[in-house]
N, C-alpha and C. Protein backbone atom coordinates (compact mmCIF):
# COMPACT_ATOMS: atom_id res chain seq x y z
N MET A 1 0.83 -1.19 0.00
CA MET A 1 0.00 0.00 0.00
C MET A 1 0.88 1.26 0.00
N LYS A 2 1.93 1.30 0.81
CA LYS A 2 2.80 2.48 0.86
C LYS A 2 3.50 2.70 -0.48
N THR A 3 3.85 1.61 -1.15
CA THR A 3 4.53 1.73 -2.43
C THR A 3 3.63 2.39 -3.46
N ARG A 4 2.34 2.03 -3.49
CA ARG A 4 1.41 2.61 -4.44
C ARG A 4 1.22 4.11 -4.19
N LEU A 5 1.20 4.52 -2.96
CA LEU A 5 1.06 5.94 -2.64
C LEU A 5 2.33 6.72 -2.96
N PHE A 6 3.46 6.08 -2.76
CA PHE A 6 4.74 6.75 -2.96
C PHE A 6 5.04 6.98 -4.45
N LEU A 7 4.66 6.03 -5.31
CA LEU A 7 4.99 6.09 -6.72
C LEU A 7 4.45 7.36 -7.41
N PRO A 8 3.18 7.75 -7.23
CA PRO A 8 2.73 8.99 -7.88
C PRO A 8 3.51 10.23 -7.42
N PHE A 9 3.84 10.28 -6.13
CA PHE A 9 4.60 11.42 -5.62
C PHE A 9 6.02 11.43 -6.20
N LEU A 10 6.61 10.25 -6.37
CA LEU A 10 7.93 10.14 -6.96
C LEU A 10 7.91 10.63 -8.41
N LEU A 11 6.91 10.18 -9.19
CA LEU A 11 6.80 10.61 -10.58
C LEU A 11 6.56 12.11 -10.69
N LEU A 12 5.71 12.64 -9.84
CA LEU A 12 5.43 14.08 -9.83
C LEU A 12 6.70 14.86 -9.49
N GLY A 13 7.44 14.38 -8.51
CA GLY A 13 8.69 15.04 -8.12
C GLY A 13 9.72 15.00 -9.24
N LEU A 14 9.84 13.86 -9.95
CA LEU A 14 10.78 13.77 -11.06
C LEU A 14 10.39 14.70 -12.21
N ALA A 15 9.10 14.83 -12.48
CA ALA A 15 8.64 15.75 -13.53
C ALA A 15 8.99 17.18 -13.16
N GLY A 16 8.79 17.56 -11.92
CA GLY A 16 9.14 18.90 -11.47
C GLY A 16 10.63 19.15 -11.54
N LEU A 17 11.43 18.16 -11.19
CA LEU A 17 12.89 18.27 -11.23
C LEU A 17 13.36 18.45 -12.68
N SER A 18 12.74 17.72 -13.61
CA SER A 18 13.09 17.84 -15.02
C SER A 18 12.80 19.25 -15.54
N THR A 19 11.65 19.79 -15.19
CA THR A 19 11.29 21.16 -15.60
C THR A 19 12.26 22.16 -15.01
N PHE A 20 12.63 22.00 -13.75
CA PHE A 20 13.58 22.88 -13.08
C PHE A 20 14.94 22.81 -13.77
N ALA A 21 15.39 21.61 -14.12
CA ALA A 21 16.69 21.44 -14.78
C ALA A 21 16.70 22.12 -16.14
N GLN A 22 15.59 22.03 -16.90
CA GLN A 22 15.53 22.69 -18.20
C GLN A 22 15.64 24.19 -18.05
N THR A 23 15.09 24.74 -16.98
CA THR A 23 15.17 26.18 -16.73
C THR A 23 16.60 26.59 -16.46
N LEU A 24 17.35 25.75 -15.73
CA LEU A 24 18.72 26.09 -15.38
C LEU A 24 19.69 25.90 -16.54
N SER A 25 19.42 24.96 -17.42
CA SER A 25 20.34 24.71 -18.53
C SER A 25 19.64 25.00 -19.84
N PRO A 26 19.75 26.24 -20.32
CA PRO A 26 19.06 26.62 -21.55
C PRO A 26 19.60 25.86 -22.75
N ALA A 27 18.77 25.72 -23.77
CA ALA A 27 19.22 25.09 -25.00
C ALA A 27 20.32 25.95 -25.59
N PRO A 28 21.56 25.43 -25.69
CA PRO A 28 22.70 26.26 -26.03
C PRO A 28 22.74 26.81 -27.44
N ASP A 29 22.14 26.17 -28.40
CA ASP A 29 22.29 26.61 -29.77
C ASP A 29 20.95 26.90 -30.45
N SER A 30 19.93 27.18 -29.65
CA SER A 30 18.63 27.43 -30.25
C SER A 30 18.39 28.92 -30.43
N PRO A 31 17.79 29.31 -31.57
CA PRO A 31 17.48 30.72 -31.79
C PRO A 31 16.38 31.20 -30.87
N PRO A 32 16.24 32.52 -30.70
CA PRO A 32 15.27 33.05 -29.75
C PRO A 32 13.82 32.86 -30.15
N GLY A 33 13.50 32.49 -31.38
CA GLY A 33 12.13 32.21 -31.72
C GLY A 33 11.63 32.88 -32.99
N ASP A 34 11.98 34.13 -33.25
CA ASP A 34 11.54 34.78 -34.47
C ASP A 34 12.34 34.22 -35.65
N PRO A 35 11.74 34.22 -36.85
CA PRO A 35 12.49 33.71 -38.00
C PRO A 35 13.67 34.61 -38.31
N PRO A 36 14.78 34.03 -38.81
CA PRO A 36 15.94 34.85 -39.14
C PRO A 36 15.65 35.74 -40.35
N ILE A 37 16.38 36.85 -40.43
CA ILE A 37 16.29 37.72 -41.60
C ILE A 37 17.67 37.78 -42.25
N THR A 38 17.68 37.96 -43.55
CA THR A 38 18.95 38.07 -44.27
C THR A 38 19.29 39.53 -44.47
N LEU A 39 20.47 39.91 -44.01
CA LEU A 39 20.97 41.26 -44.19
C LEU A 39 22.06 41.23 -45.26
N HIS A 40 22.21 42.32 -45.97
CA HIS A 40 23.24 42.45 -46.99
C HIS A 40 24.12 43.64 -46.64
N ILE A 41 25.41 43.42 -46.73
CA ILE A 41 26.39 44.49 -46.54
C ILE A 41 27.31 44.39 -47.75
N GLY A 42 27.12 45.33 -48.67
CA GLY A 42 27.84 45.21 -49.94
C GLY A 42 27.38 43.95 -50.65
N LYS A 43 28.32 43.10 -51.02
CA LYS A 43 27.99 41.85 -51.73
C LYS A 43 27.88 40.65 -50.79
N VAL A 44 27.98 40.89 -49.49
CA VAL A 44 27.97 39.80 -48.52
C VAL A 44 26.59 39.71 -47.87
N SER A 45 26.11 38.47 -47.69
CA SER A 45 24.83 38.23 -47.01
C SER A 45 25.08 37.57 -45.67
N LEU A 46 24.21 37.88 -44.73
CA LEU A 46 24.34 37.36 -43.37
C LEU A 46 22.95 36.99 -42.86
N SER A 47 22.78 35.75 -42.42
CA SER A 47 21.51 35.31 -41.84
C SER A 47 21.52 35.69 -40.36
N THR A 48 20.56 36.51 -39.94
CA THR A 48 20.59 37.02 -38.58
C THR A 48 19.31 36.69 -37.81
N GLU A 49 19.51 36.29 -36.58
CA GLU A 49 18.41 36.17 -35.65
C GLU A 49 18.11 37.59 -35.15
N VAL A 50 16.89 37.82 -34.74
CA VAL A 50 16.47 39.15 -34.31
C VAL A 50 16.28 39.17 -32.80
N ALA A 51 16.89 40.15 -32.17
CA ALA A 51 16.68 40.40 -30.73
C ALA A 51 15.99 41.75 -30.63
N ALA A 52 14.65 41.70 -30.51
CA ALA A 52 13.86 42.93 -30.53
C ALA A 52 13.26 43.27 -29.17
N THR A 53 12.98 42.27 -28.36
CA THR A 53 12.36 42.53 -27.06
C THR A 53 13.46 42.70 -26.00
N PRO A 54 13.13 43.30 -24.86
CA PRO A 54 14.14 43.43 -23.80
C PRO A 54 14.74 42.07 -23.40
N ALA A 55 13.91 41.05 -23.29
CA ALA A 55 14.42 39.72 -22.89
C ALA A 55 15.34 39.15 -23.95
N GLN A 56 15.00 39.30 -25.22
CA GLN A 56 15.85 38.80 -26.31
C GLN A 56 17.17 39.57 -26.35
N ARG A 57 17.11 40.87 -26.16
CA ARG A 57 18.35 41.67 -26.17
C ARG A 57 19.23 41.30 -24.98
N GLU A 58 18.64 41.06 -23.84
CA GLU A 58 19.43 40.70 -22.65
C GLU A 58 20.10 39.35 -22.82
N ARG A 59 19.39 38.39 -23.38
CA ARG A 59 19.94 37.04 -23.56
C ARG A 59 20.96 36.99 -24.70
N GLY A 60 20.66 37.67 -25.81
CA GLY A 60 21.59 37.69 -26.93
C GLY A 60 22.06 36.31 -27.32
N LEU A 61 23.35 36.13 -27.42
CA LEU A 61 23.93 34.84 -27.82
C LEU A 61 24.50 34.07 -26.62
N MET A 62 23.99 34.36 -25.43
CA MET A 62 24.45 33.64 -24.23
C MET A 62 24.25 32.14 -24.40
N PHE A 63 25.17 31.39 -23.84
CA PHE A 63 25.11 29.93 -23.72
C PHE A 63 25.31 29.19 -25.05
N ARG A 64 25.48 29.90 -26.16
CA ARG A 64 25.69 29.24 -27.44
C ARG A 64 27.10 28.67 -27.50
N ARG A 65 27.24 27.52 -28.12
CA ARG A 65 28.56 26.92 -28.30
C ARG A 65 29.13 27.23 -29.68
N LYS A 66 28.24 27.64 -30.61
CA LYS A 66 28.71 27.92 -31.96
C LYS A 66 27.74 28.89 -32.64
N LEU A 67 28.23 29.47 -33.71
CA LEU A 67 27.44 30.36 -34.53
C LEU A 67 27.87 30.07 -35.97
N GLY A 68 26.92 29.90 -36.87
CA GLY A 68 27.25 29.59 -38.26
C GLY A 68 28.19 30.61 -38.88
N ASP A 69 28.91 30.20 -39.92
CA ASP A 69 29.90 31.06 -40.56
C ASP A 69 29.33 32.40 -41.02
N ASN A 70 28.18 32.41 -41.61
CA ASN A 70 27.55 33.65 -42.08
C ASN A 70 26.25 33.88 -41.34
N SER A 71 26.35 33.78 -40.02
CA SER A 71 25.19 33.97 -39.15
C SER A 71 25.53 35.04 -38.12
N GLY A 72 24.49 35.62 -37.56
CA GLY A 72 24.68 36.63 -36.53
C GLY A 72 23.38 36.91 -35.82
N MET A 73 23.41 37.96 -35.02
CA MET A 73 22.21 38.42 -34.31
C MET A 73 22.15 39.93 -34.42
N ILE A 74 21.00 40.43 -34.85
CA ILE A 74 20.78 41.87 -34.95
C ILE A 74 19.92 42.31 -33.77
N PHE A 75 20.40 43.30 -33.06
CA PHE A 75 19.70 43.84 -31.90
C PHE A 75 19.01 45.14 -32.32
N LEU A 76 17.71 45.21 -32.11
CA LEU A 76 16.96 46.42 -32.40
C LEU A 76 16.85 47.22 -31.12
N MET A 77 17.48 48.37 -31.08
CA MET A 77 17.46 49.21 -29.89
C MET A 77 16.11 49.91 -29.80
N PRO A 78 15.63 50.18 -28.59
CA PRO A 78 14.33 50.83 -28.45
C PRO A 78 14.32 52.25 -29.04
N ALA A 79 15.46 52.92 -29.02
CA ALA A 79 15.61 54.26 -29.60
C ALA A 79 17.10 54.46 -29.82
N PRO A 80 17.50 55.32 -30.77
CA PRO A 80 18.92 55.59 -30.94
C PRO A 80 19.54 56.07 -29.62
N GLU A 81 20.63 55.43 -29.22
CA GLU A 81 21.26 55.69 -27.92
C GLU A 81 22.68 55.16 -27.93
N PRO A 82 23.45 55.48 -26.91
CA PRO A 82 24.75 54.81 -26.77
C PRO A 82 24.48 53.33 -26.49
N ALA A 83 25.30 52.44 -27.03
CA ALA A 83 25.10 51.01 -26.83
C ALA A 83 26.12 50.46 -25.85
N THR A 84 25.67 49.53 -25.03
CA THR A 84 26.54 48.87 -24.06
C THR A 84 26.32 47.37 -24.18
N PHE A 85 27.40 46.63 -24.45
CA PHE A 85 27.31 45.17 -24.59
C PHE A 85 28.35 44.52 -23.69
N TRP A 86 28.05 43.30 -23.25
CA TRP A 86 29.01 42.52 -22.46
C TRP A 86 28.86 41.07 -22.85
N MET A 87 29.78 40.24 -22.40
CA MET A 87 29.86 38.85 -22.82
C MET A 87 29.52 37.87 -21.69
N LYS A 88 28.74 38.29 -20.73
CA LYS A 88 28.36 37.39 -19.64
C LYS A 88 27.72 36.13 -20.22
N ASN A 89 28.20 34.98 -19.81
CA ASN A 89 27.69 33.67 -20.24
C ASN A 89 27.74 33.46 -21.75
N THR A 90 28.57 34.22 -22.44
CA THR A 90 28.72 34.04 -23.89
C THR A 90 30.00 33.26 -24.13
N LEU A 91 29.87 32.12 -24.79
CA LEU A 91 30.96 31.16 -24.91
C LEU A 91 31.79 31.30 -26.17
N ILE A 92 31.33 32.09 -27.13
CA ILE A 92 32.04 32.21 -28.41
C ILE A 92 32.55 33.64 -28.59
N PRO A 93 33.72 33.80 -29.20
CA PRO A 93 34.24 35.14 -29.44
C PRO A 93 33.41 35.83 -30.53
N LEU A 94 33.14 37.11 -30.34
CA LEU A 94 32.26 37.84 -31.25
C LEU A 94 32.86 39.18 -31.65
N SER A 95 32.38 39.69 -32.77
CA SER A 95 32.58 41.08 -33.15
C SER A 95 31.20 41.71 -33.16
N VAL A 96 31.13 42.99 -32.80
CA VAL A 96 29.85 43.70 -32.81
C VAL A 96 30.02 44.98 -33.60
N ALA A 97 29.04 45.23 -34.48
CA ALA A 97 29.00 46.49 -35.22
C ALA A 97 27.87 47.32 -34.66
N PHE A 98 28.15 48.58 -34.35
CA PHE A 98 27.11 49.51 -33.92
C PHE A 98 26.68 50.29 -35.16
N ILE A 99 25.36 50.38 -35.36
CA ILE A 99 24.79 50.86 -36.62
C ILE A 99 23.77 51.95 -36.33
N ASP A 100 23.74 52.99 -37.17
CA ASP A 100 22.78 54.08 -36.96
C ASP A 100 21.42 53.76 -37.59
N ARG A 101 20.48 54.66 -37.46
CA ARG A 101 19.11 54.42 -37.93
C ARG A 101 19.02 54.31 -39.45
N ASN A 102 20.05 54.76 -40.18
CA ASN A 102 20.07 54.65 -41.64
C ASN A 102 20.76 53.38 -42.12
N GLY A 103 21.24 52.56 -41.18
CA GLY A 103 21.90 51.31 -41.55
C GLY A 103 23.39 51.44 -41.77
N VAL A 104 23.97 52.59 -41.43
CA VAL A 104 25.40 52.81 -41.62
C VAL A 104 26.16 52.31 -40.40
N ILE A 105 27.17 51.50 -40.65
CA ILE A 105 28.01 50.98 -39.57
C ILE A 105 28.87 52.13 -39.03
N LEU A 106 28.74 52.37 -37.74
CA LEU A 106 29.47 53.46 -37.09
C LEU A 106 30.80 52.98 -36.52
N GLU A 107 30.79 51.79 -35.90
CA GLU A 107 31.98 51.26 -35.22
C GLU A 107 31.90 49.75 -35.21
N ILE A 108 33.06 49.10 -35.10
CA ILE A 108 33.13 47.65 -34.95
C ILE A 108 34.08 47.35 -33.80
N HIS A 109 33.66 46.48 -32.90
CA HIS A 109 34.47 46.10 -31.74
C HIS A 109 34.55 44.58 -31.64
N ASP A 110 35.67 44.07 -31.13
CA ASP A 110 35.82 42.64 -30.87
C ASP A 110 35.59 42.39 -29.39
N MET A 111 35.00 41.22 -29.09
CA MET A 111 34.69 40.87 -27.70
C MET A 111 35.13 39.43 -27.42
N LYS A 112 35.68 39.21 -26.23
CA LYS A 112 36.18 37.90 -25.83
C LYS A 112 35.12 37.11 -25.06
N PRO A 113 35.11 35.78 -25.23
CA PRO A 113 34.13 34.96 -24.51
C PRO A 113 34.28 35.12 -23.00
N LEU A 114 33.13 35.10 -22.34
CA LEU A 114 33.03 35.13 -20.88
C LEU A 114 33.70 36.34 -20.24
N ASP A 115 34.02 37.36 -21.04
CA ASP A 115 34.61 38.58 -20.52
C ASP A 115 33.47 39.48 -20.04
N GLU A 116 33.48 39.82 -18.78
CA GLU A 116 32.38 40.62 -18.25
C GLU A 116 32.68 42.11 -18.27
N SER A 117 33.76 42.51 -18.97
CA SER A 117 33.97 43.94 -19.15
C SER A 117 32.93 44.45 -20.16
N ILE A 118 32.74 45.72 -20.17
CA ILE A 118 31.68 46.31 -20.98
C ILE A 118 32.27 46.91 -22.26
N THR A 119 31.61 46.65 -23.38
CA THR A 119 31.96 47.27 -24.66
C THR A 119 30.93 48.36 -24.91
N ARG A 120 31.39 49.60 -24.99
CA ARG A 120 30.50 50.75 -25.18
C ARG A 120 30.75 51.38 -26.54
N SER A 121 29.67 51.87 -27.12
CA SER A 121 29.82 52.61 -28.38
C SER A 121 30.31 54.02 -28.08
N GLU A 122 31.05 54.57 -29.02
CA GLU A 122 31.42 55.99 -28.91
C GLU A 122 30.24 56.85 -29.34
N SER A 123 29.46 56.34 -30.28
CA SER A 123 28.32 57.07 -30.81
C SER A 123 27.14 57.02 -29.85
N ARG A 124 26.36 58.07 -29.88
CA ARG A 124 25.13 58.13 -29.07
C ARG A 124 23.91 57.83 -29.94
N GLU A 125 24.14 57.47 -31.21
CA GLU A 125 23.06 57.29 -32.19
C GLU A 125 22.93 55.85 -32.66
N VAL A 126 23.18 54.87 -31.80
CA VAL A 126 23.11 53.47 -32.19
C VAL A 126 21.65 53.01 -32.19
N ALA A 127 21.17 52.59 -33.36
CA ALA A 127 19.81 52.08 -33.50
C ALA A 127 19.80 50.55 -33.59
N TYR A 128 20.93 49.99 -34.05
CA TYR A 128 21.07 48.54 -34.19
C TYR A 128 22.48 48.14 -33.75
N ALA A 129 22.59 46.90 -33.30
CA ALA A 129 23.90 46.30 -33.06
C ALA A 129 23.87 44.93 -33.74
N LEU A 130 24.95 44.59 -34.41
CA LEU A 130 25.02 43.34 -35.14
C LEU A 130 26.19 42.53 -34.63
N GLU A 131 25.90 41.38 -34.01
CA GLU A 131 26.95 40.48 -33.51
C GLU A 131 27.18 39.35 -34.51
N THR A 132 28.46 39.07 -34.74
CA THR A 132 28.88 38.00 -35.65
C THR A 132 30.04 37.26 -35.00
N ASN A 133 30.49 36.20 -35.65
CA ASN A 133 31.71 35.54 -35.19
C ASN A 133 32.86 36.55 -35.22
N LEU A 134 33.81 36.34 -34.34
CA LEU A 134 34.97 37.22 -34.24
C LEU A 134 35.63 37.41 -35.61
N HIS A 135 35.90 38.64 -35.96
CA HIS A 135 36.60 39.04 -37.19
C HIS A 135 35.78 38.84 -38.47
N TRP A 136 34.50 38.49 -38.36
CA TRP A 136 33.68 38.30 -39.56
C TRP A 136 33.68 39.56 -40.44
N PHE A 137 33.57 40.70 -39.82
CA PHE A 137 33.54 41.95 -40.59
C PHE A 137 34.84 42.15 -41.37
N SER A 138 35.97 42.02 -40.69
CA SER A 138 37.26 42.25 -41.37
C SER A 138 37.52 41.16 -42.43
N LEU A 139 37.14 39.92 -42.15
CA LEU A 139 37.33 38.85 -43.14
C LEU A 139 36.50 39.08 -44.40
N ASN A 140 35.43 39.83 -44.28
CA ASN A 140 34.56 40.11 -45.42
C ASN A 140 34.74 41.54 -45.97
N GLY A 141 35.79 42.22 -45.51
CA GLY A 141 36.10 43.56 -46.01
C GLY A 141 35.09 44.62 -45.61
N ILE A 142 34.38 44.39 -44.50
CA ILE A 142 33.36 45.33 -44.04
C ILE A 142 33.96 46.25 -42.99
N LYS A 143 33.65 47.55 -43.12
CA LYS A 143 34.25 48.53 -42.22
C LYS A 143 33.24 49.63 -41.89
N PRO A 144 33.54 50.48 -40.91
CA PRO A 144 32.66 51.61 -40.63
C PRO A 144 32.44 52.44 -41.90
N GLY A 145 31.20 52.89 -42.06
CA GLY A 145 30.81 53.62 -43.26
C GLY A 145 30.01 52.76 -44.22
N ASP A 146 30.19 51.41 -44.15
CA ASP A 146 29.41 50.51 -44.98
C ASP A 146 27.97 50.47 -44.46
N LYS A 147 27.07 50.07 -45.33
CA LYS A 147 25.65 50.11 -44.99
C LYS A 147 25.01 48.72 -45.06
N ILE A 148 24.11 48.42 -44.10
CA ILE A 148 23.35 47.18 -44.14
C ILE A 148 21.99 47.44 -44.78
N THR A 149 21.52 46.44 -45.53
CA THR A 149 20.17 46.50 -46.09
C THR A 149 19.57 45.10 -46.02
N PRO A 150 18.31 44.93 -45.93
CA PRO A 150 17.34 45.97 -45.60
C PRO A 150 17.44 46.32 -44.12
N LEU A 151 16.94 47.47 -43.75
CA LEU A 151 16.92 47.83 -42.34
C LEU A 151 15.89 46.96 -41.63
N PRO A 152 16.27 46.31 -40.54
CA PRO A 152 15.31 45.48 -39.81
C PRO A 152 14.17 46.33 -39.23
N THR A 153 12.96 45.89 -39.46
CA THR A 153 11.79 46.60 -38.92
C THR A 153 10.84 45.60 -38.29
N VAL A 154 11.39 44.57 -37.67
CA VAL A 154 10.57 43.52 -37.07
C VAL A 154 9.77 44.11 -35.92
N VAL A 155 8.48 43.82 -35.91
CA VAL A 155 7.66 44.23 -34.79
C VAL A 155 7.83 43.16 -33.72
N PRO A 156 8.34 43.52 -32.53
CA PRO A 156 8.59 42.51 -31.52
C PRO A 156 7.29 41.87 -31.02
N HIS A 157 7.39 40.57 -30.76
CA HIS A 157 6.29 39.84 -30.12
C HIS A 157 6.23 40.29 -28.67
N ALA A 158 5.21 39.85 -27.97
CA ALA A 158 5.15 40.12 -26.53
C ALA A 158 6.43 39.60 -25.89
N ASP A 159 6.93 40.32 -24.92
CA ASP A 159 8.19 39.94 -24.27
C ASP A 159 8.11 38.53 -23.73
N ARG A 160 9.13 37.74 -24.02
CA ARG A 160 9.14 36.34 -23.60
C ARG A 160 9.89 36.21 -22.31
């Protein structure tokens, strides 16, 4: 009799533990949910995930173990402003381009994995930030002054 009563509680406890474990260990290589968009910079194309909501922007590329060769993440800022990025829980080396509201790249910075120092833009007019694998911009001959098209205009879903 005690075994029959104990078994449902054991199964319920294991289900709760599984849910708790999934919360603690996020899926390392899964996109945030919105479909990727293709950006063009000169003759180069880049498939980008969109970080439009506060939660998506905060999470960014955290916990990822890899990023495709021509993949990245575009961050849509709530309004043109100085940008501040850090690499907390980010496992891959990245480069970030700060971009104005017209799609012009203002600055490009390199960032080291798990480095919790802050990367700040010099510009106060950052409308987008584009993260790619480290040195992707220089390997593709992309520099400040180049322009991205099309300009991302994704309407963010409800904050996740």
